Amino acid sequence: VAGPGGWNDPDMLVIGNFGLSRDQQITQMALWAIMAAPLLMSNDLRNI
């Protein structure tokens, strides 16, 4: 059902916070790209 006009949202990217290792951040970014997910950052850009 996903496509232009409507998308599945697996929730925020937690990249740039504190809970993921470097490899795990890469996995989230890669999978969210493959899944055509809206990219919602949840970090503080002042301290990234």
All heavy atoms as atom14 arrays in JSON, in Angstrom:
{
  "sequence": "VAGPGGWNDPDMLVIGNFGLSRDQQITQMALWAIMAAPLLMSNDLRNI",
  "atom14_mask": [
    [1, 1, 1, 1, 1, 1, 1, 0, 0, 0, 0, 0, 0, 0],
    [1, 1, 1, 1, 1, 0, 0, 0, 0, 0, 0, 0, 0, 0],
    [1, 1, 1, 1, 0, 0, 0, 0, 0, 0, 0, 0, 0, 0],
    [1, 1, 1, 1, 1, 1, 1, 0, 0, 0, 0, 0, 0, 0],
    [1, 1, 1, 1, 0, 0, 0, 0, 0, 0, 0, 0, 0, 0],
    [1, 1, 1, 1, 0, 0, 0, 0, 0, 0, 0, 0, 0, 0],
    [1, 1, 1, 1, 1, 1, 1, 1, 1, 1, 1, 1, 1, 1],
    [1, 1, 1, 1, 1, 1, 1, 1, 0, 0, 0, 0, 0, 0],
    [1, 1, 1, 1, 1, 1, 1, 1, 0, 0, 0, 0, 0, 0],
    [1, 1, 1, 1, 1, 1, 1, 0, 0, 0, 0, 0, 0, 0],
    [1, 1, 1, 1, 1, 1, 1, 1, 0, 0, 0, 0, 0, 0],
    [1, 1, 1, 1, 1, 1, 1, 1, 0, 0, 0, 0, 0, 0],
    [1, 1, 1, 1, 1, 1, 1, 1, 0, 0, 0, 0, 0, 0],
    [1, 1, 1, 1, 1, 1, 1, 0, 0, 0, 0, 0, 0, 0],
    [1, 1, 1, 1, 1, 1, 1, 1, 0, 0, 0, 0, 0, 0],
    [1, 1, 1, 1, 0, 0, 0, 0, 0, 0, 0, 0, 0, 0],
    [1, 1, 1, 1, 1, 1, 1, 1, 0, 0, 0, 0, 0, 0],
    [1, 1, 1, 1, 1, 1, 1, 1, 1, 1, 1, 0, 0, 0],
    [1, 1, 1, 1, 0, 0, 0, 0, 0, 0, 0, 0, 0, 0],
    [1, 1, 1, 1, 1, 1, 1, 1, 0, 0, 0, 0, 0, 0],
    [1, 1, 1, 1, 1, 1, 0, 0, 0, 0, 0, 0, 0, 0],
    [1, 1, 1, 1, 1, 1, 1, 1, 1, 1, 1, 0, 0, 0],
    [1, 1, 1, 1, 1, 1, 1, 1, 0, 0, 0, 0, 0, 0],
    [1, 1, 1, 1, 1, 1, 1, 1, 1, 0, 0, 0, 0, 0],
    [1, 1, 1, 1, 1, 1, 1, 1, 1, 0, 0, 0, 0, 0],
    [1, 1, 1, 1, 1, 1, 1, 1, 0, 0, 0, 0, 0, 0],
    [1, 1, 1, 1, 1, 1, 1, 0, 0, 0, 0, 0, 0, 0],
    [1, 1, 1, 1, 1, 1, 1, 1, 1, 0, 0, 0, 0, 0],
    [1, 1, 1, 1, 1, 1, 1, 1, 0, 0, 0, 0, 0, 0],
    [1, 1, 1, 1, 1, 0, 0, 0, 0, 0, 0, 0, 0, 0],
    [1, 1, 1, 1, 1, 1, 1, 1, 0, 0, 0, 0, 0, 0],
    [1, 1, 1, 1, 1, 1, 1, 1, 1, 1, 1, 1, 1, 1],
    [1, 1, 1, 1, 1, 0, 0, 0, 0, 0, 0, 0, 0, 0],
    [1, 1, 1, 1, 1, 1, 1, 1, 0, 0, 0, 0, 0, 0],
    [1, 1, 1, 1, 1, 1, 1, 1, 0, 0, 0, 0, 0, 0],
    [1, 1, 1, 1, 1, 0, 0, 0, 0, 0, 0, 0, 0, 0],
    [1, 1, 1, 1, 1, 0, 0, 0, 0, 0, 0, 0, 0, 0],
    [1, 1, 1, 1, 1, 1, 1, 0, 0, 0, 0, 0, 0, 0],
    [1, 1, 1, 1, 1, 1, 1, 1, 0, 0, 0, 0, 0, 0],
    [1, 1, 1, 1, 1, 1, 1, 1, 0, 0, 0, 0, 0, 0],
    [1, 1, 1, 1, 1, 1, 1, 1, 0, 0, 0, 0, 0, 0],
    [1, 1, 1, 1, 1, 1, 0, 0, 0, 0, 0, 0, 0, 0],
    [1, 1, 1, 1, 1, 1, 1, 1, 0, 0, 0, 0, 0, 0],
    [1, 1, 1, 1, 1, 1, 1, 1, 0, 0, 0, 0, 0, 0],
    [1, 1, 1, 1, 1, 1, 1, 1, 0, 0, 0, 0, 0, 0],
    [1, 1, 1, 1, 1, 1, 1, 1, 1, 1, 1, 0, 0, 0],
    [1, 1, 1, 1, 1, 1, 1, 1, 0, 0, 0, 0, 0, 0],
    [1, 1, 1, 1, 1, 1, 1, 1, 0, 0, 0, 0, 0, 0]
  ],
  "atom14_positions": [
    [[0.82, -1.21, 0.0], [0.0, 0.0, 0.0], [0.85, 1.26, 0.0], [0.38, 2.33, -0.37], [-0.96, 0.01, 1.21], [-0.23, 0.31, 2.5], [-2.1, 0.97, 1.0], [0.0, 0.0, 0.0], [0.0, 0.0, 0.0], [0.0, 0.0, 0.0], [0.0, 0.0, 0.0], [0.0, 0.0, 0.0], [0.0, 0.0, 0.0], [0.0, 0.0, 0.0]],
    [[2.12, 1.15, 0.4], [2.98, 2.33, 0.5], [3.34, 2.85, -0.89], [3.52, 2.09, -1.83], [4.25, 2.0, 1.28], [0.0, 0.0, 0.0], [0.0, 0.0, 0.0], [0.0, 0.0, 0.0], [0.0, 0.0, 0.0], [0.0, 0.0, 0.0], [0.0, 0.0, 0.0], [0.0, 0.0, 0.0], [0.0, 0.0, 0.0], [0.0, 0.0, 0.0]],
    [[3.45, 4.16, -0.99], [3.82, 4.79, -2.25], [3.48, 6.26, -2.2], [3.01, 6.77, -1.19], [0.0, 0.0, 0.0], [0.0, 0.0, 0.0], [0.0, 0.0, 0.0], [0.0, 0.0, 0.0], [0.0, 0.0, 0.0], [0.0, 0.0, 0.0], [0.0, 0.0, 0.0], [0.0, 0.0, 0.0], [0.0, 0.0, 0.0], [0.0, 0.0, 0.0]],
    [[3.73, 6.97, -3.3], [3.47, 8.41, -3.31], [2.1, 8.76, -2.75], [1.08, 8.22, -3.17], [3.58, 8.76, -4.79], [4.59, 7.77, -5.32], [4.29, 6.49, -4.57], [0.0, 0.0, 0.0], [0.0, 0.0, 0.0], [0.0, 0.0, 0.0], [0.0, 0.0, 0.0], [0.0, 0.0, 0.0], [0.0, 0.0, 0.0], [0.0, 0.0, 0.0]],
    [[2.1, 9.63, -1.74], [0.86, 10.03, -1.08], [0.61, 9.37, 0.25], [-0.15, 9.9, 1.06], [0.0, 0.0, 0.0], [0.0, 0.0, 0.0], [0.0, 0.0, 0.0], [0.0, 0.0, 0.0], [0.0, 0.0, 0.0], [0.0, 0.0, 0.0], [0.0, 0.0, 0.0], [0.0, 0.0, 0.0], [0.0, 0.0, 0.0], [0.0, 0.0, 0.0]],
    [[1.25, 8.2, 0.5], [0.99, 7.51, 1.76], [2.09, 6.53, 2.09], [2.47, 5.7, 1.26], [0.0, 0.0, 0.0], [0.0, 0.0, 0.0], [0.0, 0.0, 0.0], [0.0, 0.0, 0.0], [0.0, 0.0, 0.0], [0.0, 0.0, 0.0], [0.0, 0.0, 0.0], [0.0, 0.0, 0.0], [0.0, 0.0, 0.0], [0.0, 0.0, 0.0]],
    [[2.61, 6.6, 3.33], [3.81, 5.84, 3.69], [3.67, 5.2, 5.08], [3.08, 5.77, 5.98], [5.02, 6.76, 3.72], [5.14, 7.6, 2.49], [4.68, 8.88, 2.32], [5.71, 7.22, 1.24], [4.95, 9.31, 1.05], [5.58, 8.32, 0.36], [6.34, 6.05, 0.79], [6.05, 8.28, -0.95], [6.81, 6.02, -0.51], [6.66, 7.12, -1.36]],
    [[4.25, 4.01, 5.22], [4.38, 3.4, 6.53], [5.48, 4.12, 7.31], [6.56, 4.39, 6.79], [4.76, 1.92, 6.39], [3.62, 1.09, 5.83], [2.59, 0.93, 6.48], [3.79, 0.57, 4.62], [0.0, 0.0, 0.0], [0.0, 0.0, 0.0], [0.0, 0.0, 0.0], [0.0, 0.0, 0.0], [0.0, 0.0, 0.0], [0.0, 0.0, 0.0]],
    [[5.2, 4.42, 8.58], [6.11, 5.18, 9.42], [6.61, 4.3, 10.56], [5.86, 4.03, 11.5], [5.38, 6.42, 9.96], [6.22, 7.22, 10.94], [7.42, 6.94, 11.07], [5.66, 8.15, 11.58], [0.0, 0.0, 0.0], [0.0, 0.0, 0.0], [0.0, 0.0, 0.0], [0.0, 0.0, 0.0], [0.0, 0.0, 0.0], [0.0, 0.0, 0.0]],
    [[7.87, 3.83, 10.52], [8.4, 3.0, 11.61], [8.88, 3.8, 12.81], [9.5, 3.24, 13.71], [9.56, 2.27, 10.93], [10.04, 3.22, 9.89], [8.82, 3.97, 9.41], [0.0, 0.0, 0.0], [0.0, 0.0, 0.0], [0.0, 0.0, 0.0], [0.0, 0.0, 0.0], [0.0, 0.0, 0.0], [0.0, 0.0, 0.0], [0.0, 0.0, 0.0]],
    [[8.61, 5.08, 12.83], [8.94, 6.01, 13.92], [10.33, 6.61, 13.73], [10.98, 6.4, 12.73], [8.78, 5.37, 15.3], [8.46, 6.42, 16.38], [8.26, 7.6, 16.05], [8.4, 6.04, 17.57], [0.0, 0.0, 0.0], [0.0, 0.0, 0.0], [0.0, 0.0, 0.0], [0.0, 0.0, 0.0], [0.0, 0.0, 0.0], [0.0, 0.0, 0.0]],
    [[10.77, 7.35, 14.73], [11.89, 8.26, 14.59], [13.23, 7.56, 14.41], [13.45, 6.44, 14.89], [11.97, 9.17, 15.81], [10.75, 10.0, 16.06], [10.91, 11.01, 17.56], [10.97, 9.76, 18.84], [0.0, 0.0, 0.0], [0.0, 0.0, 0.0], [0.0, 0.0, 0.0], [0.0, 0.0, 0.0], [0.0, 0.0, 0.0], [0.0, 0.0, 0.0]],
    [[14.15, 8.26, 13.76], [15.55, 7.91, 13.8], [16.12, 8.35, 15.15], [15.94, 9.5, 15.55], [16.31, 8.62, 12.68], [15.93, 8.26, 11.25], [16.47, 9.29, 10.28], [16.42, 6.86, 10.9], [0.0, 0.0, 0.0], [0.0, 0.0, 0.0], [0.0, 0.0, 0.0], [0.0, 0.0, 0.0], [0.0, 0.0, 0.0], [0.0, 0.0, 0.0]],
    [[16.77, 7.43, 15.84], [17.39, 7.79, 17.12], [18.89, 7.99, 16.97], [19.64, 8.04, 17.95], [17.07, 6.75, 18.22], [15.59, 6.81, 18.57], [17.46, 5.34, 17.79], [0.0, 0.0, 0.0], [0.0, 0.0, 0.0], [0.0, 0.0, 0.0], [0.0, 0.0, 0.0], [0.0, 0.0, 0.0], [0.0, 0.0, 0.0], [0.0, 0.0, 0.0]],
    [[19.33, 8.13, 15.74], [20.73, 8.42, 15.43], [21.09, 9.8, 15.99], [20.33, 10.75, 15.82], [20.94, 8.38, 13.91], [20.65, 6.98, 13.37], [22.35, 8.82, 13.53], [20.47, 6.92, 11.86], [0.0, 0.0, 0.0], [0.0, 0.0, 0.0], [0.0, 0.0, 0.0], [0.0, 0.0, 0.0], [0.0, 0.0, 0.0], [0.0, 0.0, 0.0]],
    [[22.23, 9.88, 16.63], [22.65, 11.15, 17.22], [22.24, 11.3, 18.66], [22.52, 12.33, 19.29], [0.0, 0.0, 0.0], [0.0, 0.0, 0.0], [0.0, 0.0, 0.0], [0.0, 0.0, 0.0], [0.0, 0.0, 0.0], [0.0, 0.0, 0.0], [0.0, 0.0, 0.0], [0.0, 0.0, 0.0], [0.0, 0.0, 0.0], [0.0, 0.0, 0.0]],
    [[21.58, 10.28, 19.21], [21.29, 10.28, 20.63], [22.37, 9.46, 21.35], [23.54, 9.64, 21.08], [19.87, 9.75, 20.87], [18.83, 10.73, 20.36], [18.91, 11.93, 20.61], [17.83, 10.24, 19.63], [0.0, 0.0, 0.0], [0.0, 0.0, 0.0], [0.0, 0.0, 0.0], [0.0, 0.0, 0.0], [0.0, 0.0, 0.0], [0.0, 0.0, 0.0]],
    [[22.01, 8.52, 22.2], [23.03, 7.89, 23.05], [22.95, 6.37, 23.14], [23.85, 5.75, 23.71], [22.94, 8.48, 24.47], [22.97, 9.98, 24.49], [21.8, 10.71, 24.59], [24.16, 10.66, 24.36], [21.82, 12.1, 24.59], [24.2, 12.05, 24.35], [23.03, 12.77, 24.47], [0.0, 0.0, 0.0], [0.0, 0.0, 0.0], [0.0, 0.0, 0.0]],
    [[21.9, 5.75, 22.58], [21.68, 4.34, 22.83], [22.22, 3.37, 21.81], [22.3, 2.17, 22.07], [0.0, 0.0, 0.0], [0.0, 0.0, 0.0], [0.0, 0.0, 0.0], [0.0, 0.0, 0.0], [0.0, 0.0, 0.0], [0.0, 0.0, 0.0], [0.0, 0.0, 0.0], [0.0, 0.0, 0.0], [0.0, 0.0, 0.0], [0.0, 0.0, 0.0]],
    [[22.59, 3.85, 20.62], [23.04, 2.96, 19.55], [24.54, 3.08, 19.31], [25.1, 4.17, 19.38], [22.31, 3.28, 18.23], [20.79, 3.2, 18.21], [20.28, 3.41, 16.77], [20.27, 1.89, 18.77], [0.0, 0.0, 0.0], [0.0, 0.0, 0.0], [0.0, 0.0, 0.0], [0.0, 0.0, 0.0], [0.0, 0.0, 0.0], [0.0, 0.0, 0.0]],
    [[25.16, 1.96, 19.0], [26.55, 1.99, 18.56], [26.61, 2.54, 17.14], [25.59, 2.74, 16.47], [27.13, 0.58, 18.57], [26.55, -0.21, 17.53], [0.0, 0.0, 0.0], [0.0, 0.0, 0.0], [0.0, 0.0, 0.0], [0.0, 0.0, 0.0], [0.0, 0.0, 0.0], [0.0, 0.0, 0.0], [0.0, 0.0, 0.0], [0.0, 0.0, 0.0]],
    [[27.82, 2.79, 16.65], [28.0, 3.28, 15.28], [27.39, 2.3, 14.27], [26.67, 2.71, 13.36], [29.49, 3.48, 14.99], [29.83, 3.81, 13.54], [29.27, 5.15, 13.13], [29.65, 5.49, 11.76], [29.11, 6.47, 11.07], [28.16, 7.22, 11.6], [29.52, 6.73, 9.84], [0.0, 0.0, 0.0], [0.0, 0.0, 0.0], [0.0, 0.0, 0.0]],
    [[27.64, 1.01, 14.42], [27.09, 0.03, 13.49], [25.57, -0.01, 13.56], [24.9, -0.14, 12.53], [27.66, -1.36, 13.8], [29.11, -1.5, 13.38], [29.4, -1.31, 12.19], [29.96, -1.79, 14.25], [0.0, 0.0, 0.0], [0.0, 0.0, 0.0], [0.0, 0.0, 0.0], [0.0, 0.0, 0.0], [0.0, 0.0, 0.0], [0.0, 0.0, 0.0]],
    [[25.02, 0.11, 14.75], [23.56, 0.09, 14.89], [22.92, 1.33, 14.3], [21.82, 1.27, 13.74], [23.21, -0.08, 16.37], [23.59, -1.44, 16.91], [23.73, -1.49, 18.42], [23.47, -0.5, 19.11], [24.17, -2.63, 18.94], [0.0, 0.0, 0.0], [0.0, 0.0, 0.0], [0.0, 0.0, 0.0], [0.0, 0.0, 0.0], [0.0, 0.0, 0.0]],
    [[23.58, 2.47, 14.38], [23.09, 3.68, 13.73], [23.06, 3.48, 12.21], [22.1, 3.87, 11.53], [23.96, 4.88, 14.08], [23.82, 5.35, 15.52], [24.55, 6.65, 15.77], [24.55, 7.55, 14.95], [25.18, 6.76, 16.94], [0.0, 0.0, 0.0], [0.0, 0.0, 0.0], [0.0, 0.0, 0.0], [0.0, 0.0, 0.0], [0.0, 0.0, 0.0]],
    [[24.11, 2.89, 11.66], [24.16, 2.61, 10.22], [23.02, 1.68, 9.83], [22.36, 1.88, 8.8], [25.53, 2.01, 9.85], [26.61, 3.09, 9.93], [25.49, 1.37, 8.46], [28.03, 2.56, 9.8], [0.0, 0.0, 0.0], [0.0, 0.0, 0.0], [0.0, 0.0, 0.0], [0.0, 0.0, 0.0], [0.0, 0.0, 0.0], [0.0, 0.0, 0.0]],
    [[22.75, 0.67, 10.66], [21.65, -0.25, 10.36], [20.32, 0.47, 10.33], [19.51, 0.27, 9.42], [21.62, -1.39, 11.39], [22.79, -2.19, 11.24], [20.38, -2.27, 11.2], [0.0, 0.0, 0.0], [0.0, 0.0, 0.0], [0.0, 0.0, 0.0], [0.0, 0.0, 0.0], [0.0, 0.0, 0.0], [0.0, 0.0, 0.0], [0.0, 0.0, 0.0]],
    [[20.06, 1.33, 11.31], [18.78, 2.04, 11.29], [18.66, 2.93, 10.06], [17.63, 2.94, 9.38], [18.56, 2.87, 12.56], [17.12, 3.37, 12.6], [16.8, 4.34, 13.7], [17.68, 5.0, 14.25], [15.52, 4.48, 14.02], [0.0, 0.0, 0.0], [0.0, 0.0, 0.0], [0.0, 0.0, 0.0], [0.0, 0.0, 0.0], [0.0, 0.0, 0.0]],
    [[19.71, 3.69, 9.75], [19.64, 4.58, 8.59], [19.43, 3.8, 7.3], [18.62, 4.18, 6.45], [20.93, 5.41, 8.52], [20.86, 6.57, 7.54], [19.77, 7.89, 8.15], [19.86, 9.06, 6.79], [0.0, 0.0, 0.0], [0.0, 0.0, 0.0], [0.0, 0.0, 0.0], [0.0, 0.0, 0.0], [0.0, 0.0, 0.0], [0.0, 0.0, 0.0]],
    [[20.15, 2.69, 7.15], [20.03, 1.88, 5.95], [18.63, 1.27, 5.81], [18.03, 1.3, 4.72], [21.09, 0.78, 5.95], [0.0, 0.0, 0.0], [0.0, 0.0, 0.0], [0.0, 0.0, 0.0], [0.0, 0.0, 0.0], [0.0, 0.0, 0.0], [0.0, 0.0, 0.0], [0.0, 0.0, 0.0], [0.0, 0.0, 0.0], [0.0, 0.0, 0.0]],
    [[18.11, 0.72, 6.9], [16.8, 0.07, 6.84], [15.68, 1.07, 6.62], [14.73, 0.81, 5.88], [16.55, -0.75, 8.1], [16.87, -2.23, 8.0], [15.9, -2.93, 7.07], [18.3, -2.47, 7.52], [0.0, 0.0, 0.0], [0.0, 0.0, 0.0], [0.0, 0.0, 0.0], [0.0, 0.0, 0.0], [0.0, 0.0, 0.0], [0.0, 0.0, 0.0]],
    [[15.78, 2.25, 7.25], [14.75, 3.26, 7.04], [14.75, 3.75, 5.58], [13.71, 4.07, 5.03], [14.94, 4.4, 8.02], [14.15, 4.32, 9.29], [13.32, 5.27, 9.8], [14.1, 3.23, 10.25], [12.76, 4.87, 11.0], [13.21, 3.61, 11.29], [14.71, 1.97, 10.31], [12.93, 2.78, 12.38], [14.43, 1.15, 11.4], [13.56, 1.55, 12.42]],
    [[15.94, 3.77, 4.96], [16.01, 4.13, 3.54], [15.38, 3.04, 2.68], [14.6, 3.33, 1.76], [17.47, 4.36, 3.12], [0.0, 0.0, 0.0], [0.0, 0.0, 0.0], [0.0, 0.0, 0.0], [0.0, 0.0, 0.0], [0.0, 0.0, 0.0], [0.0, 0.0, 0.0], [0.0, 0.0, 0.0], [0.0, 0.0, 0.0], [0.0, 0.0, 0.0]],
    [[15.69, 1.79, 2.97], [15.12, 0.68, 2.2], [13.61, 0.63, 2.36], [12.87, 0.35, 1.4], [15.73, -0.66, 2.68], [17.2, -0.76, 2.26], [14.92, -1.85, 2.15], [17.44, -0.98, 0.79], [0.0, 0.0, 0.0], [0.0, 0.0, 0.0], [0.0, 0.0, 0.0], [0.0, 0.0, 0.0], [0.0, 0.0, 0.0], [0.0, 0.0, 0.0]],
    [[13.1, 0.95, 3.56], [11.66, 0.85, 3.83], [10.88, 2.08, 3.37], [9.69, 2.18, 3.64], [11.42, 0.61, 5.32], [11.96, -0.72, 5.81], [11.54, -1.12, 7.53], [12.38, 0.16, 8.44], [0.0, 0.0, 0.0], [0.0, 0.0, 0.0], [0.0, 0.0, 0.0], [0.0, 0.0, 0.0], [0.0, 0.0, 0.0], [0.0, 0.0, 0.0]],
    [[11.54, 3.02, 2.68], [10.86, 4.24, 2.22], [10.17, 4.96, 3.38], [9.05, 5.47, 3.23], [9.86, 3.92, 1.11], [0.0, 0.0, 0.0], [0.0, 0.0, 0.0], [0.0, 0.0, 0.0], [0.0, 0.0, 0.0], [0.0, 0.0, 0.0], [0.0, 0.0, 0.0], [0.0, 0.0, 0.0], [0.0, 0.0, 0.0], [0.0, 0.0, 0.0]],
    [[10.83, 4.99, 4.52], [10.23, 5.56, 5.73], [10.4, 7.07, 5.76], [11.44, 7.58, 5.35], [10.89, 4.95, 6.96], [0.0, 0.0, 0.0], [0.0, 0.0, 0.0], [0.0, 0.0, 0.0], [0.0, 0.0, 0.0], [0.0, 0.0, 0.0], [0.0, 0.0, 0.0], [0.0, 0.0, 0.0], [0.0, 0.0, 0.0], [0.0, 0.0, 0.0]],
    [[9.4, 7.8, 6.27], [9.64, 9.21, 6.58], [10.83, 9.31, 7.55], [10.91, 8.57, 8.52], [8.34, 9.65, 7.26], [7.31, 8.68, 6.78], [8.03, 7.38, 6.61], [0.0, 0.0, 0.0], [0.0, 0.0, 0.0], [0.0, 0.0, 0.0], [0.0, 0.0, 0.0], [0.0, 0.0, 0.0], [0.0, 0.0, 0.0], [0.0, 0.0, 0.0]],
    [[11.75, 10.2, 7.26], [12.95, 10.36, 8.1], [12.69, 11.44, 9.13], [12.7, 12.63, 8.83], [14.17, 10.7, 7.25], [14.54, 9.67, 6.18], [15.8, 10.11, 5.44], [14.73, 8.27, 6.78], [0.0, 0.0, 0.0], [0.0, 0.0, 0.0], [0.0, 0.0, 0.0], [0.0, 0.0, 0.0], [0.0, 0.0, 0.0], [0.0, 0.0, 0.0]],
    [[12.45, 11.0, 10.37], [12.15, 11.91, 11.47], [13.29, 11.87, 12.47], [13.44, 10.9, 13.2], [10.86, 11.49, 12.19], [9.53, 11.52, 11.46], [9.38, 10.33, 10.53], [8.4, 11.47, 12.48], [0.0, 0.0, 0.0], [0.0, 0.0, 0.0], [0.0, 0.0, 0.0], [0.0, 0.0, 0.0], [0.0, 0.0, 0.0], [0.0, 0.0, 0.0]],
    [[14.1, 12.88, 12.49], [15.17, 12.93, 13.48], [14.61, 13.29, 14.85], [13.66, 14.07, 14.95], [16.22, 13.97, 13.08], [16.97, 13.64, 11.81], [18.36, 14.77, 11.56], [17.53, 16.33, 11.33], [0.0, 0.0, 0.0], [0.0, 0.0, 0.0], [0.0, 0.0, 0.0], [0.0, 0.0, 0.0], [0.0, 0.0, 0.0], [0.0, 0.0, 0.0]],
    [[15.23, 12.72, 15.89], [14.75, 12.97, 17.25], [15.85, 13.54, 18.13], [15.72, 13.56, 19.35], [14.25, 11.67, 17.87], [15.32, 10.73, 17.99], [0.0, 0.0, 0.0], [0.0, 0.0, 0.0], [0.0, 0.0, 0.0], [0.0, 0.0, 0.0], [0.0, 0.0, 0.0], [0.0, 0.0, 0.0], [0.0, 0.0, 0.0], [0.0, 0.0, 0.0]],
    [[16.95, 14.0, 17.53], [18.11, 14.4, 18.32], [18.14, 15.91, 18.55], [17.33, 16.66, 18.02], [19.38, 13.96, 17.61], [19.38, 14.37, 16.15], [19.2, 15.54, 15.83], [19.54, 13.41, 15.26], [0.0, 0.0, 0.0], [0.0, 0.0, 0.0], [0.0, 0.0, 0.0], [0.0, 0.0, 0.0], [0.0, 0.0, 0.0], [0.0, 0.0, 0.0]],
    [[19.1, 16.34, 19.35], [19.33, 17.75, 19.61], [20.45, 18.22, 18.7], [21.62, 17.86, 18.89], [19.71, 17.96, 21.09], [19.79, 19.42, 21.48], [19.94, 20.28, 20.59], [19.72, 19.71, 22.69], [0.0, 0.0, 0.0], [0.0, 0.0, 0.0], [0.0, 0.0, 0.0], [0.0, 0.0, 0.0], [0.0, 0.0, 0.0], [0.0, 0.0, 0.0]],
    [[20.11, 19.0, 17.69], [21.1, 19.42, 16.7], [22.17, 20.33, 17.27], [23.21, 20.54, 16.65], [20.4, 20.12, 15.53], [19.4, 19.27, 14.74], [18.81, 20.08, 13.6], [20.05, 17.99, 14.23], [0.0, 0.0, 0.0], [0.0, 0.0, 0.0], [0.0, 0.0, 0.0], [0.0, 0.0, 0.0], [0.0, 0.0, 0.0], [0.0, 0.0, 0.0]],
    [[21.95, 20.87, 18.45], [22.95, 21.72, 19.08], [24.15, 20.93, 19.57], [25.24, 21.49, 19.75], [22.33, 22.49, 20.24], [21.2, 23.44, 19.86], [20.45, 23.96, 21.06], [19.78, 22.89, 21.8], [18.95, 23.1, 22.84], [18.71, 24.34, 23.24], [18.39, 22.08, 23.44], [0.0, 0.0, 0.0], [0.0, 0.0, 0.0], [0.0, 0.0, 0.0]],
    [[23.95, 19.62, 19.79], [25.0, 18.81, 20.42], [25.3, 17.53, 19.65], [25.93, 16.63, 20.21], [24.58, 18.44, 21.85], [24.29, 19.66, 22.7], [25.11, 20.55, 22.81], [23.1, 19.7, 23.3], [0.0, 0.0, 0.0], [0.0, 0.0, 0.0], [0.0, 0.0, 0.0], [0.0, 0.0, 0.0], [0.0, 0.0, 0.0], [0.0, 0.0, 0.0]],
    [[24.9, 17.42, 18.4], [25.07, 16.17, 17.67], [26.54, 15.95, 17.33], [27.28, 16.89, 17.02], [24.2, 16.16, 16.4], [24.2, 14.77, 15.77], [24.63, 17.24, 15.41], [23.17, 14.61, 14.68], [0.0, 0.0, 0.0], [0.0, 0.0, 0.0], [0.0, 0.0, 0.0], [0.0, 0.0, 0.0], [0.0, 0.0, 0.0], [0.0, 0.0, 0.0]]
  ]
}
